[in-house]
């Protein structure tokens, strides 16, 4: 679904697989977050908690213990 979105959004790159994969890698987390948020706004939404958690994007910070 995300890849199809990119092909529609950037039609001049739809046949450039490398460009699409790079763009997908850069934008997927934000796209999922926005997609889940929009679905949560709909009545009767049934998105599992794990998907909500994943959509909150991973942190780049790593806990360090001394």
PDB file of N, CA and C in Angstrom:
ATOM      1  N   UNK A   1       0.826  -1.193   0.000  1.00  0.00           N
ATOM      2  CA  UNK A   1       0.000   0.000   0.000  1.00  0.00           C
ATOM      3  C   UNK A   1       0.872   1.260   0.000  1.00  0.00           C
ATOM      4  N   UNK A   2       1.922   1.267   0.808  1.00  0.00           N
ATOM      5  CA  UNK A   2       2.814   2.424   0.842  1.00  0.00           C
ATOM      6  C   UNK A   2       3.547   2.593  -0.478  1.00  0.00           C
ATOM      7  N   UNK A   3       4.004   1.502  -1.047  1.00  0.00           N
ATOM      8  CA  UNK A   3       4.711   1.568  -2.322  1.00  0.00           C
ATOM      9  C   UNK A   3       3.785   2.105  -3.421  1.00  0.00           C
ATOM     10  N   UNK A   4       2.538   1.676  -3.422  1.00  0.00           N
ATOM     11  CA  UNK A   4       1.571   2.184  -4.397  1.00  0.00           C
ATOM     12  C   UNK A   4       1.334   3.681  -4.190  1.00  0.00           C
ATOM     13  N   UNK A   5       1.297   4.095  -2.949  1.00  0.00           N
ATOM     14  CA  UNK A   5       1.167   5.524  -2.627  1.00  0.00           C
ATOM     15  C   UNK A   5       2.345   6.309  -3.214  1.00  0.00           C
ATOM     16  N   UNK A   6       3.544   5.792  -3.060  1.00  0.00           N
ATOM     17  CA  UNK A   6       4.727   6.471  -3.597  1.00  0.00           C
ATOM     18  C   UNK A   6       4.682   6.549  -5.121  1.00  0.00           C
ATOM     19  N   UNK A   7       4.236   5.492  -5.752  1.00  0.00           N
ATOM     20  CA  UNK A   7       4.150   5.489  -7.213  1.00  0.00           C
ATOM     21  C   UNK A   7       3.146   6.531  -7.712  1.00  0.00           C
ATOM     22  N   UNK A   8       2.055   6.704  -6.965  1.00  0.00           N
ATOM     23  CA  UNK A   8       1.081   7.738  -7.340  1.00  0.00           C
ATOM     24  C   UNK A   8       1.612   9.138  -7.040  1.00  0.00           C
ATOM     25  N   UNK A   9       2.296   9.267  -5.918  1.00  0.00           N
ATOM     26  CA  UNK A   9       2.813  10.564  -5.479  1.00  0.00           C
ATOM     27  C   UNK A   9       3.982  11.037  -6.348  1.00  0.00           C
ATOM     28  N   UNK A  10       4.794  10.114  -6.814  1.00  0.00           N
ATOM     29  CA  UNK A  10       5.986  10.431  -7.613  1.00  0.00           C
ATOM     30  C   UNK A  10       5.961   9.628  -8.911  1.00  0.00           C
ATOM     31  N   UNK A  11       5.047   9.959  -9.818  1.00  0.00           N
ATOM     32  CA  UNK A  11       4.881   9.133 -11.030  1.00  0.00           C
ATOM     33  C   UNK A  11       6.124   9.058 -11.916  1.00  0.00           C
ATOM     34  N   UNK A  12       6.964  10.078 -11.905  1.00  0.00           N
ATOM     35  CA  UNK A  12       8.145  10.002 -12.785  1.00  0.00           C
ATOM     36  C   UNK A  12       9.177   8.987 -12.300  1.00  0.00           C
ATOM     37  N   UNK A  13       9.039   8.516 -11.039  1.00  0.00           N
ATOM     38  CA  UNK A  13       9.968   7.524 -10.489  1.00  0.00           C
ATOM     39  C   UNK A  13       9.355   6.127 -10.369  1.00  0.00           C
ATOM     40  N   UNK A  14       8.133   5.940 -10.876  1.00  0.00           N
ATOM     41  CA  UNK A  14       7.447   4.665 -10.634  1.00  0.00           C
ATOM     42  C   UNK A  14       8.150   3.447 -11.233  1.00  0.00           C
ATOM     43  N   UNK A  15       9.036   3.646 -12.182  1.00  0.00           N
ATOM     44  CA  UNK A  15       9.777   2.517 -12.759  1.00  0.00           C
ATOM     45  C   UNK A  15      11.208   2.432 -12.225  1.00  0.00           C
ATOM     46  N   UNK A  16      11.569   3.342 -11.352  1.00  0.00           N
ATOM     47  CA  UNK A  16      12.918   3.357 -10.776  1.00  0.00           C
ATOM     48  C   UNK A  16      12.862   2.655  -9.417  1.00  0.00           C
ATOM     49  N   UNK A  17      13.055   1.345  -9.437  1.00  0.00           N
ATOM     50  CA  UNK A  17      12.913   0.511  -8.228  1.00  0.00           C
ATOM     51  C   UNK A  17      13.816   0.969  -7.085  1.00  0.00           C
ATOM     52  N   UNK A  18      15.073   1.285  -7.396  1.00  0.00           N
ATOM     53  CA  UNK A  18      16.005   1.705  -6.339  1.00  0.00           C
ATOM     54  C   UNK A  18      15.529   2.995  -5.678  1.00  0.00           C
ATOM     55  N   UNK A  19      15.094   3.954  -6.468  1.00  0.00           N
ATOM     56  CA  UNK A  19      14.621   5.221  -5.914  1.00  0.00           C
ATOM     57  C   UNK A  19      13.410   4.984  -5.020  1.00  0.00           C
ATOM     58  N   UNK A  20      12.472   4.150  -5.501  1.00  0.00           N
ATOM     59  CA  UNK A  20      11.275   3.863  -4.714  1.00  0.00           C
ATOM     60  C   UNK A  20      11.606   3.175  -3.395  1.00  0.00           C
ATOM     61  N   UNK A  21      12.520   2.220  -3.427  1.00  0.00           N
ATOM     62  CA  UNK A  21      12.892   1.513  -2.190  1.00  0.00           C
ATOM     63  C   UNK A  21      13.579   2.469  -1.214  1.00  0.00           C
ATOM     64  N   UNK A  22      14.463   3.312  -1.722  1.00  0.00           N
ATOM     65  CA  UNK A  22      15.116   4.296  -0.856  1.00  0.00           C
ATOM     66  C   UNK A  22      14.090   5.246  -0.244  1.00  0.00           C
ATOM     67  N   UNK A  23      13.162   5.726  -1.066  1.00  0.00           N
ATOM     68  CA  UNK A  23      12.121   6.639  -0.579  1.00  0.00           C
ATOM     69  C   UNK A  23      11.225   5.936   0.427  1.00  0.00           C
ATOM     70  N   UNK A  24      10.916   4.678   0.160  1.00  0.00           N
ATOM     71  CA  UNK A  24      10.086   3.918   1.094  1.00  0.00           C
ATOM     72  C   UNK A  24      10.793   3.768   2.444  1.00  0.00           C
ATOM     73  N   UNK A  25      12.073   3.476   2.407  1.00  0.00           N
ATOM     74  CA  UNK A  25      12.829   3.336   3.646  1.00  0.00           C
ATOM     75  C   UNK A  25      12.857   4.632   4.445  1.00  0.00           C
ATOM     76  N   UNK A  26      12.882   5.759   3.744  1.00  0.00           N
ATOM     77  CA  UNK A  26      12.944   7.053   4.430  1.00  0.00           C
ATOM     78  C   UNK A  26      11.588   7.512   4.957  1.00  0.00           C
ATOM     79  N   UNK A  27      10.494   7.080   4.336  1.00  0.00           N
ATOM     80  CA  UNK A  27       9.187   7.653   4.666  1.00  0.00           C
ATOM     81  C   UNK A  27       8.195   6.677   5.289  1.00  0.00           C
ATOM     82  N   UNK A  28       8.530   5.413   5.359  1.00  0.00           N
ATOM     83  CA  UNK A  28       7.553   4.412   5.799  1.00  0.00           C
ATOM     84  C   UNK A  28       7.052   4.644   7.225  1.00  0.00           C
ATOM     85  N   UNK A  29       7.940   4.917   8.161  1.00  0.00           N
ATOM     86  CA  UNK A  29       7.521   5.081   9.557  1.00  0.00           C
ATOM     87  C   UNK A  29       6.524   6.222   9.709  1.00  0.00           C
ATOM     88  N   UNK A  30       6.789   7.341   9.082  1.00  0.00           N
ATOM     89  CA  UNK A  30       5.872   8.482   9.170  1.00  0.00           C
ATOM     90  C   UNK A  30       4.548   8.175   8.478  1.00  0.00           C
ATOM     91  N   UNK A  31       4.614   7.480   7.355  1.00  0.00           N
ATOM     92  CA  UNK A  31       3.405   7.108   6.631  1.00  0.00           C
ATOM     93  C   UNK A  31       2.518   6.192   7.489  1.00  0.00           C
ATOM     94  N   UNK A  32       3.113   5.212   8.131  1.00  0.00           N
ATOM     95  CA  UNK A  32       2.340   4.304   8.992  1.00  0.00           C
ATOM     96  C   UNK A  32       1.700   5.085  10.124  1.00  0.00           C
ATOM     97  N   UNK A  33       2.458   5.969  10.734  1.00  0.00           N
ATOM     98  CA  UNK A  33       1.931   6.765  11.838  1.00  0.00           C
ATOM     99  C   UNK A  33       0.709   7.571  11.390  1.00  0.00           C
ATOM    100  N   UNK A  34       0.812   8.241  10.259  1.00  0.00           N
ATOM    101  CA  UNK A  34      -0.303   9.039   9.753  1.00  0.00           C
ATOM    102  C   UNK A  34      -1.490   8.161   9.378  1.00  0.00           C
ATOM    103  N   UNK A  35      -1.210   7.011   8.800  1.00  0.00           N
ATOM    104  CA  UNK A  35      -2.280   6.084   8.393  1.00  0.00           C
ATOM    105  C   UNK A  35      -3.044   5.561   9.607  1.00  0.00           C
ATOM    106  N   UNK A  36      -2.322   5.179  10.647  1.00  0.00           N
ATOM    107  CA  UNK A  36      -2.965   4.677  11.860  1.00  0.00           C
ATOM    108  C   UNK A  36      -3.761   5.803  12.526  1.00  0.00           C
ATOM    109  N   UNK A  37      -3.191   6.999  12.607  1.00  0.00           N
ATOM    110  CA  UNK A  37      -3.899   8.127  13.212  1.00  0.00           C
ATOM    111  C   UNK A  37      -5.199   8.428  12.473  1.00  0.00           C
ATOM    112  N   UNK A  38      -5.168   8.376  11.153  1.00  0.00           N
ATOM    113  CA  UNK A  38      -6.392   8.662  10.397  1.00  0.00           C
ATOM    114  C   UNK A  38      -7.444   7.580  10.622  1.00  0.00           C
ATOM    115  N   UNK A  39      -7.007   6.343  10.740  1.00  0.00           N
ATOM    116  CA  UNK A  39      -7.968   5.265  10.985  1.00  0.00           C
ATOM    117  C   UNK A  39      -8.513   5.314  12.409  1.00  0.00           C
ATOM    118  N   UNK A  40      -7.702   5.767  13.358  1.00  0.00           N
ATOM    119  CA  UNK A  40      -8.178   5.885  14.737  1.00  0.00           C
ATOM    120  C   UNK A  40      -9.281   6.934  14.855  1.00  0.00           C
ATOM    121  N   UNK A  41      -9.296   7.895  13.963  1.00  0.00           N
ATOM    122  CA  UNK A  41     -10.313   8.950  13.982  1.00  0.00           C
ATOM    123  C   UNK A  41     -11.664   8.451  13.466  1.00  0.00           C
ATOM    124  N   UNK A  42     -11.680   7.309  12.800  1.00  0.00           N
ATOM    125  CA  UNK A  42     -12.925   6.763  12.259  1.00  0.00           C
ATOM    126  C   UNK A  42     -13.680   5.995  13.342  1.00  0.00           C
ATOM    127  N   UNK A  43     -15.000   6.150  13.382  1.00  0.00           N
ATOM    128  CA  UNK A  43     -15.794   5.396  14.365  1.00  0.00           C
ATOM    129  C   UNK A  43     -15.690   3.886  14.109  1.00  0.00           C
ATOM    130  N   UNK A  44     -15.665   3.139  15.167  1.00  0.00           N
ATOM    131  CA  UNK A  44     -15.597   1.689  15.055  1.00  0.00           C
ATOM    132  C   UNK A  44     -14.236   1.156  14.671  1.00  0.00           C
ATOM    133  N   UNK A  45     -13.234   1.976  14.853  1.00  0.00           N
ATOM    134  CA  UNK A  45     -11.864   1.583  14.510  1.00  0.00           C
ATOM    135  C   UNK A  45     -11.432   0.390  15.368  1.00  0.00           C
ATOM    136  N   UNK A  46     -10.787  -0.570  14.736  1.00  0.00           N
ATOM    137  CA  UNK A  46     -10.357  -1.773  15.451  1.00  0.00           C
ATOM    138  C   UNK A  46      -8.890  -2.063  15.116  1.00  0.00           C
ATOM    139  N   UNK A  47      -8.017  -1.141  15.505  1.00  0.00           N
ATOM    140  CA  UNK A  47      -6.587  -1.318  15.256  1.00  0.00           C
ATOM    141  C   UNK A  47      -5.957  -1.931  16.500  1.00  0.00           C
ATOM    142  N   UNK A  48      -5.268  -3.053  16.345  1.00  0.00           N
ATOM    143  CA  UNK A  48      -4.655  -3.708  17.509  1.00  0.00           C
ATOM    144  C   UNK A  48      -3.640  -2.796  18.211  1.00  0.00           C
ATOM    145  N   UNK A  49      -3.513  -2.990  19.498  1.00  0.00           N
ATOM    146  CA  UNK A  49      -2.597  -2.171  20.304  1.00  0.00           C
ATOM    147  C   UNK A  49      -1.156  -2.266  19.785  1.00  0.00           C
ATOM    148  N   UNK A  50      -0.734  -3.435  19.341  1.00  0.00           N
ATOM    149  CA  UNK A  50       0.645  -3.600  18.854  1.00  0.00           C
ATOM    150  C   UNK A  50       0.893  -2.735  17.618  1.00  0.00           C
ATOM    151  N   UNK A  51      -0.118  -2.601  16.758  1.00  0.00           N
ATOM    152  CA  UNK A  51       0.025  -1.753  15.566  1.00  0.00           C
ATOM    153  C   UNK A  51       0.110  -0.296  15.993  1.00  0.00           C
ATOM    154  N   UNK A  52      -0.688   0.090  16.973  1.00  0.00           N
ATOM    155  CA  UNK A  52      -0.613   1.465  17.500  1.00  0.00           C
ATOM    156  C   UNK A  52       0.778   1.734  18.073  1.00  0.00           C
ATOM    157  N   UNK A  53       1.320   0.761  18.765  1.00  0.00           N
ATOM    158  CA  UNK A  53       2.636   0.908  19.373  1.00  0.00           C
ATOM    159  C   UNK A  53       3.708   1.045  18.299  1.00  0.00           C
ATOM    160  N   UNK A  54       3.637   0.211  17.287  1.00  0.00           N
ATOM    161  CA  UNK A  54       4.603   0.257  16.184  1.00  0.00           C
ATOM    162  C   UNK A  54       4.491   1.590  15.440  1.00  0.00           C
ATOM    163  N   UNK A  55       3.280   2.075  15.262  1.00  0.00           N
ATOM    164  CA  UNK A  55       3.058   3.325  14.527  1.00  0.00           C
ATOM    165  C   UNK A  55       3.612   4.535  15.269  1.00  0.00           C
ATOM    166  N   UNK A  56       3.919   4.371  16.535  1.00  0.00           N
ATOM    167  CA  UNK A  56       4.454   5.475  17.325  1.00  0.00           C
ATOM    168  C   UNK A  56       5.929   5.697  17.025  1.00  0.00           C
ATOM    169  N   UNK A  57       6.466   5.001  16.058  1.00  0.00           N
ATOM    170  CA  UNK A  57       7.846   5.088  15.570  1.00  0.00           C
ATOM    171  C   UNK A  57       8.862   4.618  16.613  1.00  0.00           C
ATOM    172  N   UNK A  58       9.851   3.941  16.148  1.00  0.00           N
ATOM    173  CA  UNK A  58      10.921   3.504  17.056  1.00  0.00           C
ATOM    174  C   UNK A  58      11.793   4.681  17.471  1.00  0.00           C
ATOM    175  N   UNK A  59      12.398   4.540  18.603  1.00  0.00           N
ATOM    176  CA  UNK A  59      13.306   5.568  19.102  1.00  0.00           C
ATOM    177  C   UNK A  59      14.727   5.262  18.627  1.00  0.00           C
ATOM    178  N   UNK A  60      15.462   6.302  18.308  1.00  0.00           N
ATOM    179  CA  UNK A  60      16.859   6.129  17.918  1.00  0.00           C
ATOM    180  C   UNK A  60      17.777   6.089  19.129  1.00  0.00           C
ATOM    181  N   UNK A  61      17.213   6.328  20.293  1.00  0.00           N
ATOM    182  CA  UNK A  61      18.008   6.330  21.505  1.00  0.00           C
ATOM    183  C   UNK A  61      18.123   4.919  22.063  1.00  0.00           C
ATOM    184  N   UNK A  62      19.309   4.594  22.527  1.00  0.00           N
ATOM    185  CA  UNK A  62      19.554   3.285  23.115  1.00  0.00           C
ATOM    186  C   UNK A  62      19.838   3.487  24.595  1.00  0.00           C
ATOM    187  N   UNK A  63      19.089   2.799  25.461  1.00  0.00           N
ATOM    188  CA  UNK A  63      19.375   2.962  26.890  1.00  0.00           C
ATOM    189  C   UNK A  63      20.769   2.428  27.219  1.00  0.00           C
ATOM    190  N   UNK A  64      21.431   3.131  28.086  1.00  0.00           N
ATOM    191  CA  UNK A  64      22.781   2.723  28.485  1.00  0.00           C
ATOM    192  C   UNK A  64      22.787   2.521  29.991  1.00  0.00           C
ATOM    193  N   UNK A  65      23.299   1.400  30.411  1.00  0.00           N
ATOM    194  CA  UNK A  65      23.359   1.084  31.824  1.00  0.00           C
ATOM    195  C   UNK A  65      24.826   1.056  32.261  1.00  0.00           C
ATOM    196  N   UNK A  66      25.078   1.657  33.386  1.00  0.00           N
ATOM    197  CA  UNK A  66      26.467   1.668  33.872  1.00  0.00           C
ATOM    198  C   UNK A  66      26.660   0.644  34.956  1.00  0.00           C
TER     199      UNK A  66
END
